[in-house]
Amino acid sequence: MIISSLIKSFISTLIIEYIILKLLFIKRKVFMPVLLVNMLTNPLIVYIYNIMSLFSFEYKDIVTIFLELLVVIVEGYIYKYLLEIKWEKALIISFISNAIAYLTGILLTLYL
């Protein structure tokens, strides 16, 4: 179950974030940066979330928000260097792409 969740989350996040970054950087190659940041952040956060769910951790939502904010910062930092953009833009891109991916994940979970 956890492996399936990790794979589904990784693939859907990768697709969503790639599309968002491609829309923002039409002329740049963004697949490798998106792949790299998600290889570093997505499996860990999904694993932690699944473990908290297994044990009915009562502060799961607070921890998830904190972890998502950390992911936004880490991915923003990586995007800053890989895409050679300003910190503010990298942080905004990271926030938007992660927010959309996260909300899409919630919707998919509710309706599938």
PDB file of N, CA and C in Angstrom:
ATOM      1  N   MET A   1       0.813  -1.195   0.000  1.00  0.00           N
ATOM      2  CA  MET A   1       0.000   0.000   0.000  1.00  0.00           C
ATOM      3  C   MET A   1       0.861   1.265   0.000  1.00  0.00           C
ATOM      4  N   ILE A   2       1.884   1.305   0.843  1.00  0.00           N
ATOM      5  CA  ILE A   2       2.737   2.489   0.899  1.00  0.00           C
ATOM      6  C   ILE A   2       3.499   2.650  -0.413  1.00  0.00           C
ATOM      7  N   ILE A   3       4.008   1.555  -0.978  1.00  0.00           N
ATOM      8  CA  ILE A   3       4.750   1.627  -2.240  1.00  0.00           C
ATOM      9  C   ILE A   3       3.847   2.141  -3.355  1.00  0.00           C
ATOM     10  N   SER A   4       2.643   1.651  -3.414  1.00  0.00           N
ATOM     11  CA  SER A   4       1.678   2.096  -4.418  1.00  0.00           C
ATOM     12  C   SER A   4       1.391   3.580  -4.266  1.00  0.00           C
ATOM     13  N   SER A   5       1.228   4.010  -3.044  1.00  0.00           N
ATOM     14  CA  SER A   5       0.969   5.423  -2.762  1.00  0.00           C
ATOM     15  C   SER A   5       2.157   6.290  -3.175  1.00  0.00           C
ATOM     16  N   LEU A   6       3.361   5.798  -2.884  1.00  0.00           N
ATOM     17  CA  LEU A   6       4.575   6.540  -3.261  1.00  0.00           C
ATOM     18  C   LEU A   6       4.678   6.698  -4.781  1.00  0.00           C
ATOM     19  N   ILE A   7       4.411   5.629  -5.495  1.00  0.00           N
ATOM     20  CA  ILE A   7       4.524   5.655  -6.962  1.00  0.00           C
ATOM     21  C   ILE A   7       3.474   6.568  -7.569  1.00  0.00           C
ATOM     22  N   LYS A   8       2.223   6.413  -7.134  1.00  0.00           N
ATOM     23  CA  LYS A   8       1.147   7.257  -7.665  1.00  0.00           C
ATOM     24  C   LYS A   8       1.399   8.730  -7.383  1.00  0.00           C
ATOM     25  N   SER A   9       1.799   9.027  -6.170  1.00  0.00           N
ATOM     26  CA  SER A   9       2.059  10.412  -5.785  1.00  0.00           C
ATOM     27  C   SER A   9       3.218  10.995  -6.585  1.00  0.00           C
ATOM     28  N   PHE A  10       4.288  10.215  -6.726  1.00  0.00           N
ATOM     29  CA  PHE A  10       5.458  10.702  -7.448  1.00  0.00           C
ATOM     30  C   PHE A  10       5.120  11.007  -8.910  1.00  0.00           C
ATOM     31  N   ILE A  11       4.454  10.087  -9.564  1.00  0.00           N
ATOM     32  CA  ILE A  11       4.136  10.268 -10.984  1.00  0.00           C
ATOM     33  C   ILE A  11       3.172  11.430 -11.193  1.00  0.00           C
ATOM     34  N   SER A  12       2.113  11.491 -10.385  1.00  0.00           N
ATOM     35  CA  SER A  12       1.156  12.590 -10.562  1.00  0.00           C
ATOM     36  C   SER A  12       1.786  13.932 -10.235  1.00  0.00           C
ATOM     37  N   THR A  13       2.595  14.005  -9.185  1.00  0.00           N
ATOM     38  CA  THR A  13       3.276  15.257  -8.842  1.00  0.00           C
ATOM     39  C   THR A  13       4.244  15.664  -9.943  1.00  0.00           C
ATOM     40  N   LEU A  14       4.979  14.714 -10.456  1.00  0.00           N
ATOM     41  CA  LEU A  14       5.930  14.989 -11.527  1.00  0.00           C
ATOM     42  C   LEU A  14       5.223  15.566 -12.755  1.00  0.00           C
ATOM     43  N   ILE A  15       4.122  14.970 -13.146  1.00  0.00           N
ATOM     44  CA  ILE A  15       3.375  15.451 -14.315  1.00  0.00           C
ATOM     45  C   ILE A  15       2.824  16.847 -14.075  1.00  0.00           C
ATOM     46  N   ILE A  16       2.186  17.052 -12.931  1.00  0.00           N
ATOM     47  CA  ILE A  16       1.580  18.353 -12.628  1.00  0.00           C
ATOM     48  C   ILE A  16       2.640  19.446 -12.545  1.00  0.00           C
ATOM     49  N   GLU A  17       3.706  19.202 -11.814  1.00  0.00           N
ATOM     50  CA  GLU A  17       4.741  20.225 -11.660  1.00  0.00           C
ATOM     51  C   GLU A  17       5.472  20.481 -12.971  1.00  0.00           C
ATOM     52  N   TYR A  18       5.652  19.454 -13.776  1.00  0.00           N
ATOM     53  CA  TYR A  18       6.281  19.649 -15.085  1.00  0.00           C
ATOM     54  C   TYR A  18       5.423  20.572 -15.958  1.00  0.00           C
ATOM     55  N   ILE A  19       4.136  20.308 -15.991  1.00  0.00           N
ATOM     56  CA  ILE A  19       3.238  21.137 -16.812  1.00  0.00           C
ATOM     57  C   ILE A  19       3.277  22.592 -16.345  1.00  0.00           C
ATOM     58  N   ILE A  20       3.239  22.804 -15.050  1.00  0.00           N
ATOM     59  CA  ILE A  20       3.258  24.170 -14.519  1.00  0.00           C
ATOM     60  C   ILE A  20       4.564  24.860 -14.873  1.00  0.00           C
ATOM     61  N   LEU A  21       5.689  24.196 -14.655  1.00  0.00           N
ATOM     62  CA  LEU A  21       6.966  24.823 -14.978  1.00  0.00           C
ATOM     63  C   LEU A  21       7.138  25.019 -16.482  1.00  0.00           C
ATOM     64  N   LYS A  22       6.629  24.098 -17.263  1.00  0.00           N
ATOM     65  CA  LYS A  22       6.716  24.242 -18.724  1.00  0.00           C
ATOM     66  C   LYS A  22       5.909  25.454 -19.179  1.00  0.00           C
ATOM     67  N   LEU A  23       4.768  25.686 -18.555  1.00  0.00           N
ATOM     68  CA  LEU A  23       3.971  26.860 -18.894  1.00  0.00           C
ATOM     69  C   LEU A  23       4.697  28.159 -18.527  1.00  0.00           C
ATOM     70  N   LEU A  24       5.457  28.125 -17.441  1.00  0.00           N
ATOM     71  CA  LEU A  24       6.177  29.316 -17.000  1.00  0.00           C
ATOM     72  C   LEU A  24       7.501  29.519 -17.729  1.00  0.00           C
ATOM     73  N   PHE A  25       8.107  28.436 -18.195  1.00  0.00           N
ATOM     74  CA  PHE A  25       9.399  28.488 -18.879  1.00  0.00           C
ATOM     75  C   PHE A  25       9.287  27.775 -20.220  1.00  0.00           C
ATOM     76  N   ILE A  26       8.516  28.323 -21.100  1.00  0.00           N
ATOM     77  CA  ILE A  26       8.224  27.669 -22.376  1.00  0.00           C
ATOM     78  C   ILE A  26       9.484  27.277 -23.140  1.00  0.00           C
ATOM     79  N   LYS A  27      10.485  28.124 -23.149  1.00  0.00           N
ATOM     80  CA  LYS A  27      11.666  27.865 -23.975  1.00  0.00           C
ATOM     81  C   LYS A  27      12.774  27.095 -23.245  1.00  0.00           C
ATOM     82  N   ARG A  28      12.593  26.846 -21.980  1.00  0.00           N
ATOM     83  CA  ARG A  28      13.630  26.134 -21.224  1.00  0.00           C
ATOM     84  C   ARG A  28      13.280  24.667 -21.062  1.00  0.00           C
ATOM     85  N   LYS A  29      14.309  23.887 -20.892  1.00  0.00           N
ATOM     86  CA  LYS A  29      14.113  22.469 -20.582  1.00  0.00           C
ATOM     87  C   LYS A  29      13.963  22.361 -19.066  1.00  0.00           C
ATOM     88  N   VAL A  30      12.789  21.940 -18.635  1.00  0.00           N
ATOM     89  CA  VAL A  30      12.522  21.911 -17.197  1.00  0.00           C
ATOM     90  C   VAL A  30      12.290  20.507 -16.641  1.00  0.00           C
ATOM     91  N   PHE A  31      12.280  19.501 -17.507  1.00  0.00           N
ATOM     92  CA  PHE A  31      11.976  18.161 -17.002  1.00  0.00           C
ATOM     93  C   PHE A  31      13.003  17.686 -15.974  1.00  0.00           C
ATOM     94  N   MET A  32      14.268  17.832 -16.259  1.00  0.00           N
ATOM     95  CA  MET A  32      15.298  17.342 -15.329  1.00  0.00           C
ATOM     96  C   MET A  32      15.252  18.068 -13.982  1.00  0.00           C
ATOM     97  N   PRO A  33      15.119  19.402 -13.951  1.00  0.00           N
ATOM     98  CA  PRO A  33      14.974  20.054 -12.637  1.00  0.00           C
ATOM     99  C   PRO A  33      13.744  19.563 -11.867  1.00  0.00           C
ATOM    100  N   VAL A  34      12.622  19.404 -12.557  1.00  0.00           N
ATOM    101  CA  VAL A  34      11.401  18.926 -11.893  1.00  0.00           C
ATOM    102  C   VAL A  34      11.609  17.499 -11.391  1.00  0.00           C
ATOM    103  N   LEU A  35      12.210  16.666 -12.192  1.00  0.00           N
ATOM    104  CA  LEU A  35      12.492  15.290 -11.787  1.00  0.00           C
ATOM    105  C   LEU A  35      13.405  15.265 -10.557  1.00  0.00           C
ATOM    106  N   LEU A  36      14.464  16.045 -10.586  1.00  0.00           N
ATOM    107  CA  LEU A  36      15.422  16.070  -9.481  1.00  0.00           C
ATOM    108  C   LEU A  36      14.768  16.521  -8.177  1.00  0.00           C
ATOM    109  N   VAL A  37      14.055  17.643  -8.210  1.00  0.00           N
ATOM    110  CA  VAL A  37      13.474  18.133  -6.959  1.00  0.00           C
ATOM    111  C   VAL A  37      12.442  17.153  -6.407  1.00  0.00           C
ATOM    112  N   ASN A  38      11.704  16.501  -7.290  1.00  0.00           N
ATOM    113  CA  ASN A  38      10.701  15.565  -6.801  1.00  0.00           C
ATOM    114  C   ASN A  38      11.305  14.253  -6.333  1.00  0.00           C
ATOM    115  N   MET A  39      12.423  13.856  -6.892  1.00  0.00           N
ATOM    116  CA  MET A  39      13.127  12.667  -6.394  1.00  0.00           C
ATOM    117  C   MET A  39      13.640  12.919  -4.979  1.00  0.00           C
ATOM    118  N   LEU A  40      13.992  14.168  -4.694  1.00  0.00           N
ATOM    119  CA  LEU A  40      14.525  14.508  -3.375  1.00  0.00           C
ATOM    120  C   LEU A  40      13.445  14.729  -2.320  1.00  0.00           C
ATOM    121  N   THR A  41      12.305  15.252  -2.729  1.00  0.00           N
ATOM    122  CA  THR A  41      11.311  15.654  -1.730  1.00  0.00           C
ATOM    123  C   THR A  41      10.070  14.773  -1.662  1.00  0.00           C
ATOM    124  N   ASN A  42       9.545  14.357  -2.798  1.00  0.00           N
ATOM    125  CA  ASN A  42       8.260  13.675  -2.818  1.00  0.00           C
ATOM    126  C   ASN A  42       8.233  12.348  -2.056  1.00  0.00           C
ATOM    127  N   PRO A  43       9.156  11.436  -2.294  1.00  0.00           N
ATOM    128  CA  PRO A  43       9.066  10.147  -1.583  1.00  0.00           C
ATOM    129  C   PRO A  43       9.115  10.301  -0.055  1.00  0.00           C
ATOM    130  N   LEU A  44       9.942  11.206   0.416  1.00  0.00           N
ATOM    131  CA  LEU A  44      10.077  11.380   1.859  1.00  0.00           C
ATOM    132  C   LEU A  44       8.790  11.913   2.474  1.00  0.00           C
ATOM    133  N   ILE A  45       8.211  12.936   1.882  1.00  0.00           N
ATOM    134  CA  ILE A  45       7.006  13.519   2.463  1.00  0.00           C
ATOM    135  C   ILE A  45       5.823  12.558   2.367  1.00  0.00           C
ATOM    136  N   VAL A  46       5.702  11.837   1.277  1.00  0.00           N
ATOM    137  CA  VAL A  46       4.605  10.874   1.134  1.00  0.00           C
ATOM    138  C   VAL A  46       4.784   9.720   2.131  1.00  0.00           C
ATOM    139  N   TYR A  47       6.000   9.267   2.312  1.00  0.00           N
ATOM    140  CA  TYR A  47       6.274   8.202   3.272  1.00  0.00           C
ATOM    141  C   TYR A  47       5.909   8.648   4.694  1.00  0.00           C
ATOM    142  N   ILE A  48       6.341   9.840   5.075  1.00  0.00           N
ATOM    143  CA  ILE A  48       6.035  10.352   6.413  1.00  0.00           C
ATOM    144  C   ILE A  48       4.525  10.489   6.593  1.00  0.00           C
ATOM    145  N   TYR A  49       3.842  11.008   5.585  1.00  0.00           N
ATOM    146  CA  TYR A  49       2.387  11.154   5.658  1.00  0.00           C
ATOM    147  C   TYR A  49       1.702   9.794   5.822  1.00  0.00           C
ATOM    148  N   ASN A  50       2.151   8.797   5.064  1.00  0.00           N
ATOM    149  CA  ASN A  50       1.561   7.456   5.172  1.00  0.00           C
ATOM    150  C   ASN A  50       1.802   6.833   6.545  1.00  0.00           C
ATOM    151  N   ILE A  51       2.982   7.037   7.092  1.00  0.00           N
ATOM    152  CA  ILE A  51       3.280   6.504   8.425  1.00  0.00           C
ATOM    153  C   ILE A  51       2.388   7.180   9.464  1.00  0.00           C
ATOM    154  N   MET A  52       2.227   8.495   9.363  1.00  0.00           N
ATOM    155  CA  MET A  52       1.349   9.197  10.301  1.00  0.00           C
ATOM    156  C   MET A  52      -0.087   8.697  10.173  1.00  0.00           C
ATOM    157  N   SER A  53      -0.522   8.410   8.968  1.00  0.00           N
ATOM    158  CA  SER A  53      -1.883   7.905   8.745  1.00  0.00           C
ATOM    159  C   SER A  53      -2.075   6.520   9.342  1.00  0.00           C
ATOM    160  N   LEU A  54      -1.063   5.677   9.246  1.00  0.00           N
ATOM    161  CA  LEU A  54      -1.153   4.320   9.807  1.00  0.00           C
ATOM    162  C   LEU A  54      -1.357   4.332  11.316  1.00  0.00           C
ATOM    163  N   PHE A  55      -0.729   5.303  11.971  1.00  0.00           N
ATOM    164  CA  PHE A  55      -0.792   5.366  13.428  1.00  0.00           C
ATOM    165  C   PHE A  55      -1.787   6.393  13.945  1.00  0.00           C
ATOM    166  N   SER A  56      -2.636   6.902  13.078  1.00  0.00           N
ATOM    167  CA  SER A  56      -3.652   7.892  13.457  1.00  0.00           C
ATOM    168  C   SER A  56      -3.058   9.042  14.253  1.00  0.00           C
ATOM    169  N   PHE A  57      -1.962   9.550  13.779  1.00  0.00           N
ATOM    170  CA  PHE A  57      -1.277  10.669  14.429  1.00  0.00           C
ATOM    171  C   PHE A  57      -2.192  11.880  14.415  1.00  0.00           C
ATOM    172  N   GLU A  58      -2.539  12.414  15.597  1.00  0.00           N
ATOM    173  CA  GLU A  58      -3.557  13.448  15.680  1.00  0.00           C
ATOM    174  C   GLU A  58      -3.112  14.808  15.133  1.00  0.00           C
ATOM    175  N   TYR A  59      -1.839  15.047  15.025  1.00  0.00           N
ATOM    176  CA  TYR A  59      -1.343  16.323  14.502  1.00  0.00           C
ATOM    177  C   TYR A  59      -0.893  16.198  13.053  1.00  0.00           C
ATOM    178  N   LYS A  60      -1.420  15.209  12.355  1.00  0.00           N
ATOM    179  CA  LYS A  60      -1.010  14.915  10.982  1.00  0.00           C
ATOM    180  C   LYS A  60      -1.146  16.138  10.069  1.00  0.00           C
ATOM    181  N   ASP A  61      -2.241  16.870  10.182  1.00  0.00           N
ATOM    182  CA  ASP A  61      -2.457  18.019   9.297  1.00  0.00           C
ATOM    183  C   ASP A  61      -1.440  19.133   9.551  1.00  0.00           C
ATOM    184  N   ILE A  62      -1.125  19.383  10.801  1.00  0.00           N
ATOM    185  CA  ILE A  62      -0.145  20.421  11.142  1.00  0.00           C
ATOM    186  C   ILE A  62       1.238  20.022  10.646  1.00  0.00           C
ATOM    187  N   VAL A  63       1.621  18.781  10.870  1.00  0.00           N
ATOM    188  CA  VAL A  63       2.921  18.286  10.411  1.00  0.00           C
ATOM    189  C   VAL A  63       2.989  18.318   8.886  1.00  0.00           C
ATOM    190  N   THR A  64       1.904  17.950   8.223  1.00  0.00           N
ATOM    191  CA  THR A  64       1.862  17.959   6.755  1.00  0.00           C
ATOM    192  C   THR A  64       2.057  19.371   6.216  1.00  0.00           C
ATOM    193  N   ILE A  65       1.397  20.350   6.805  1.00  0.00           N
ATOM    194  CA  ILE A  65       1.563  21.738   6.367  1.00  0.00           C
ATOM    195  C   ILE A  65       3.008  22.181   6.560  1.00  0.00           C
ATOM    196  N   PHE A  66       3.594  21.856   7.705  1.00  0.00           N
ATOM    197  CA  PHE A  66       4.987  22.199   7.969  1.00  0.00           C
ATOM    198  C   PHE A  66       5.918  21.540   6.951  1.00  0.00           C
ATOM    199  N   LEU A  67       5.692  20.257   6.677  1.00  0.00           N
ATOM    200  CA  LEU A  67       6.525  19.543   5.705  1.00  0.00           C
ATOM    201  C   LEU A  67       6.368  20.125   4.300  1.00  0.00           C
ATOM    202  N   GLU A  68       5.148  20.463   3.920  1.00  0.00           N
ATOM    203  CA  GLU A  68       4.917  21.056   2.599  1.00  0.00           C
ATOM    204  C   GLU A  68       5.630  22.406   2.476  1.00  0.00           C
ATOM    205  N   LEU A  69       5.626  23.194   3.531  1.00  0.00           N
ATOM    206  CA  LEU A  69       6.352  24.469   3.506  1.00  0.00           C
ATOM    207  C   LEU A  69       7.858  24.245   3.366  1.00  0.00           C
ATOM    208  N   LEU A  70       8.369  23.228   4.048  1.00  0.00           N
ATOM    209  CA  LEU A  70       9.790  22.886   3.892  1.00  0.00           C
ATOM    210  C   LEU A  70      10.094  22.456   2.459  1.00  0.00           C
ATOM    211  N   VAL A  71       9.193  21.689   1.866  1.00  0.00           N
ATOM    212  CA  VAL A  71       9.366  21.245   0.477  1.00  0.00           C
ATOM    213  C   VAL A  71       9.396  22.449  -0.455  1.00  0.00           C
ATOM    214  N   VAL A  72       8.508  23.408  -0.237  1.00  0.00           N
ATOM    215  CA  VAL A  72       8.476  24.616  -1.067  1.00  0.00           C
ATOM    216  C   VAL A  72       9.814  25.350  -0.983  1.00  0.00           C
ATOM    217  N   ILE A  73      10.348  25.461   0.213  1.00  0.00           N
ATOM    218  CA  ILE A  73      11.630  26.156   0.387  1.00  0.00           C
ATOM    219  C   ILE A  73      12.775  25.389  -0.271  1.00  0.00           C
ATOM    220  N   VAL A  74      12.837  24.085  -0.036  1.00  0.00           N
ATOM    221  CA  VAL A  74      13.909  23.261  -0.616  1.00  0.00           C
ATOM    222  C   VAL A  74      13.826  23.269  -2.143  1.00  0.00           C
ATOM    223  N   GLU A  75      12.632  23.049  -2.675  1.00  0.00           N
ATOM    224  CA  GLU A  75      12.487  23.032  -4.130  1.00  0.00           C
ATOM    225  C   GLU A  75      12.764  24.415  -4.713  1.00  0.00           C
ATOM    226  N   GLY A  76      12.337  25.462  -4.026  1.00  0.00           N
ATOM    227  CA  GLY A  76      12.628  26.820  -4.497  1.00  0.00           C
ATOM    228  C   GLY A  76      14.124  27.070  -4.575  1.00  0.00           C
ATOM    229  N   TYR A  77      14.830  26.625  -3.564  1.00  0.00           N
ATOM    230  CA  TYR A  77      16.281  26.777  -3.537  1.00  0.00           C
ATOM    231  C   TYR A  77      16.938  26.039  -4.705  1.00  0.00           C
ATOM    232  N   ILE A  78      16.492  24.830  -4.946  1.00  0.00           N
ATOM    233  CA  ILE A  78      17.059  24.042  -6.045  1.00  0.00           C
ATOM    234  C   ILE A  78      16.717  24.668  -7.395  1.00  0.00           C
ATOM    235  N   TYR A  79      15.447  25.093  -7.561  1.00  0.00           N
ATOM    236  CA  TYR A  79      15.045  25.752  -8.811  1.00  0.00           C
ATOM    237  C   TYR A  79      15.846  27.025  -9.058  1.00  0.00           C
ATOM    238  N   LYS A  80      16.147  27.762  -7.996  1.00  0.00           N
ATOM    239  CA  LYS A  80      16.925  28.996  -8.134  1.00  0.00           C
ATOM    240  C   LYS A  80      18.242  28.732  -8.861  1.00  0.00           C
ATOM    241  N   TYR A  81      18.890  27.673  -8.470  1.00  0.00           N
ATOM    242  CA  TYR A  81      20.188  27.364  -9.066  1.00  0.00           C
ATOM    243  C   TYR A  81      20.088  26.619 -10.392  1.00  0.00           C
ATOM    244  N   LEU A  82      19.197  25.675 -10.486  1.00  0.00           N
ATOM    245  CA  LEU A  82      19.092  24.897 -11.715  1.00  0.00           C
ATOM    246  C   LEU A  82      18.513  25.709 -12.878  1.00  0.00           C
ATOM    247  N   LEU A  83      17.573  26.587 -12.574  1.00  0.00           N
ATOM    248  CA  LEU A  83      16.948  27.384 -13.628  1.00  0.00           C
ATOM    249  C   LEU A  83      17.560  28.788 -13.738  1.00  0.00           C
ATOM    250  N   GLU A  84      18.505  29.071 -12.831  1.00  0.00           N
ATOM    251  CA  GLU A  84      19.198  30.368 -12.813  1.00  0.00           C
ATOM    252  C   GLU A  84      18.199  31.530 -12.807  1.00  0.00           C
ATOM    253  N   ILE A  85      17.347  31.518 -11.791  1.00  0.00           N
ATOM    254  CA  ILE A  85      16.345  32.565 -11.620  1.00  0.00           C
ATOM    255  C   ILE A  85      16.484  33.177 -10.230  1.00  0.00           C
ATOM    256  N   LYS A  86      15.798  34.278 -10.000  1.00  0.00           N
ATOM    257  CA  LYS A  86      15.845  34.944  -8.700  1.00  0.00           C
ATOM    258  C   LYS A  86      15.129  34.095  -7.653  1.00  0.00           C
ATOM    259  N   TRP A  87      15.584  34.259  -6.408  1.00  0.00           N
ATOM    260  CA  TRP A  87      15.041  33.500  -5.289  1.00  0.00           C
ATOM    261  C   TRP A  87      13.526  33.674  -5.172  1.00  0.00           C
ATOM    262  N   GLU A  88      13.053  34.902  -5.286  1.00  0.00           N
ATOM    263  CA  GLU A  88      11.623  35.172  -5.140  1.00  0.00           C
ATOM    264  C   GLU A  88      10.804  34.417  -6.189  1.00  0.00           C
ATOM    265  N   LYS A  89      11.277  34.451  -7.427  1.00  0.00           N
ATOM    266  CA  LYS A  89      10.569  33.755  -8.503  1.00  0.00           C
ATOM    267  C   LYS A  89      10.598  32.243  -8.277  1.00  0.00           C
ATOM    268  N   ALA A  90      11.738  31.730  -7.862  1.00  0.00           N
ATOM    269  CA  ALA A  90      11.861  30.293  -7.597  1.00  0.00           C
ATOM    270  C   ALA A  90      10.912  29.869  -6.488  1.00  0.00           C
ATOM    271  N   LEU A  91      10.797  30.686  -5.451  1.00  0.00           N
ATOM    272  CA  LEU A  91       9.914  30.369  -4.335  1.00  0.00           C
ATOM    273  C   LEU A  91       8.443  30.410  -4.752  1.00  0.00           C
ATOM    274  N   ILE A  92       8.092  31.390  -5.560  1.00  0.00           N
ATOM    275  CA  ILE A  92       6.711  31.492  -6.057  1.00  0.00           C
ATOM    276  C   ILE A  92       6.373  30.296  -6.939  1.00  0.00           C
ATOM    277  N   ILE A  93       7.281  29.952  -7.832  1.00  0.00           N
ATOM    278  CA  ILE A  93       7.068  28.799  -8.717  1.00  0.00           C
ATOM    279  C   ILE A  93       6.917  27.523  -7.898  1.00  0.00           C
ATOM    280  N   SER A  94       7.779  27.353  -6.920  1.00  0.00           N
ATOM    281  CA  SER A  94       7.719  26.168  -6.067  1.00  0.00           C
ATOM    282  C   SER A  94       6.403  26.134  -5.298  1.00  0.00           C
ATOM    283  N   PHE A  95       5.990  27.264  -4.765  1.00  0.00           N
ATOM    284  CA  PHE A  95       4.740  27.314  -4.004  1.00  0.00           C
ATOM    285  C   PHE A  95       3.539  26.970  -4.887  1.00  0.00           C
ATOM    286  N   ILE A  96       3.461  27.611  -6.053  1.00  0.00           N
ATOM    287  CA  ILE A  96       2.329  27.375  -6.953  1.00  0.00           C
ATOM    288  C   ILE A  96       2.285  25.922  -7.409  1.00  0.00           C
ATOM    289  N   SER A  97       3.424  25.399  -7.858  1.00  0.00           N
ATOM    290  CA  SER A  97       3.427  24.028  -8.374  1.00  0.00           C
ATOM    291  C   SER A  97       3.109  23.020  -7.272  1.00  0.00           C
ATOM    292  N   ASN A  98       3.626  23.234  -6.073  1.00  0.00           N
ATOM    293  CA  ASN A  98       3.341  22.313  -4.978  1.00  0.00           C
ATOM    294  C   ASN A  98       1.905  22.437  -4.480  1.00  0.00           C
ATOM    295  N   ALA A  99       1.380  23.640  -4.445  1.00  0.00           N
ATOM    296  CA  ALA A  99      -0.011  23.826  -4.012  1.00  0.00           C
ATOM    297  C   ALA A  99      -0.969  23.130  -4.974  1.00  0.00           C
ATOM    298  N   ILE A 100      -0.743  23.305  -6.268  1.00  0.00           N
ATOM    299  CA  ILE A 100      -1.616  22.666  -7.252  1.00  0.00           C
ATOM    300  C   ILE A 100      -1.476  21.144  -7.193  1.00  0.00           C
ATOM    301  N   ALA A 101      -0.254  20.653  -7.072  1.00  0.00           N
ATOM    302  CA  ALA A 101      -0.043  19.206  -6.982  1.00  0.00           C
ATOM    303  C   ALA A 101      -0.693  18.647  -5.713  1.00  0.00           C
ATOM    304  N   TYR A 102      -0.553  19.348  -4.604  1.00  0.00           N
ATOM    305  CA  TYR A 102      -1.129  18.894  -3.342  1.00  0.00           C
ATOM    306  C   TYR A 102      -2.657  18.874  -3.414  1.00  0.00           C
ATOM    307  N   LEU A 103      -3.244  19.951  -3.917  1.00  0.00           N
ATOM    308  CA  LEU A 103      -4.706  20.018  -4.031  1.00  0.00           C
ATOM    309  C   LEU A 103      -5.243  18.978  -5.013  1.00  0.00           C
ATOM    310  N   THR A 104      -4.517  18.752  -6.089  1.00  0.00           N
ATOM    311  CA  THR A 104      -4.913  17.709  -7.043  1.00  0.00           C
ATOM    312  C   THR A 104      -4.877  16.339  -6.376  1.00  0.00           C
ATOM    313  N   GLY A 105      -3.853  16.107  -5.574  1.00  0.00           N
ATOM    314  CA  GLY A 105      -3.749  14.845  -4.839  1.00  0.00           C
ATOM    315  C   GLY A 105      -4.931  14.641  -3.897  1.00  0.00           C
ATOM    316  N   ILE A 106      -5.334  15.699  -3.227  1.00  0.00           N
ATOM    317  CA  ILE A 106      -6.494  15.606  -2.326  1.00  0.00           C
ATOM    318  C   ILE A 106      -7.747  15.271  -3.127  1.00  0.00           C
ATOM    319  N   LEU A 107      -7.950  15.970  -4.235  1.00  0.00           N
ATOM    320  CA  LEU A 107      -9.132  15.716  -5.075  1.00  0.00           C
ATOM    321  C   LEU A 107      -9.140  14.285  -5.622  1.00  0.00           C
ATOM    322  N   LEU A 108      -7.985  13.816  -6.082  1.00  0.00           N
ATOM    323  CA  LEU A 108      -7.905  12.449  -6.599  1.00  0.00           C
ATOM    324  C   LEU A 108      -8.212  11.423  -5.510  1.00  0.00           C
ATOM    325  N   THR A 109      -7.717  11.688  -4.308  1.00  0.00           N
ATOM    326  CA  THR A 109      -7.964  10.786  -3.185  1.00  0.00           C
ATOM    327  C   THR A 109      -9.446  10.747  -2.831  1.00  0.00           C
ATOM    328  N   LEU A 110     -10.089  11.892  -2.873  1.00  0.00           N
ATOM    329  CA  LEU A 110     -11.507  11.959  -2.521  1.00  0.00           C
ATOM    330  C   LEU A 110     -12.412  11.317  -3.559  1.00  0.00           C
ATOM    331  N   TYR A 111     -12.060  11.463  -4.831  1.00  0.00           N
ATOM    332  CA  TYR A 111     -12.960  11.042  -5.883  1.00  0.00           C
ATOM    333  C   TYR A 111     -12.555   9.772  -6.632  1.00  0.00           C
ATOM    334  N   LEU A 112     -11.428   9.191  -6.305  1.00  0.00           N
ATOM    335  CA  LEU A 112     -11.030   7.931  -6.967  1.00  0.00           C
ATOM    336  C   LEU A 112     -10.994   6.780  -6.012  1.00  0.00           C
TER     337      LEU A 112
END
